[in-house]
């Protein structure tokens, strides 16, 4: 739950297995924005919680490109951090600014790490304009972070 949201506004859930005490792993969804969240305990399918965890701070996923300007055929360094559940299928794509997530111009995989950096080649055939890098979790088609603009003169 987002901190302070109504009990009907859950973002993810797990069952306890019906035991009086215990623990379960709880994966933080990759799509969560940076912010403060909490876990709530509900008894027997009730709609009102009986306990709340301390706050959980999600820092969010970041992606940067450096330098912010390069020529066609040049290179930028893509640097990311904060991937909560890294996977081998996490990838970074190059996009024209404002284009849909399906319109990548080139891509490369992150190597499945929560944070890191890789060189990213800018295609020599690219026209002058504004571009950006976008980070996608595990072969998905919806990005979870985007870099600032990359200018190609």
Foldseek 3Di string as FASTA:
>chain_A
DAPPDALVDDDDDDDPVPDPDDDDDDADDLQDAFHKDWDFDDPPPDSDGDDIDDIDTQHFKEWAWPPQEDAAQAKIKIWMARRRFFDQQKKKFKAAPPDALVHGPDMDTPRRDRIDMDIDTHHNPDDFHKMKMFIDGRNDSDGRYIYPIRTHD
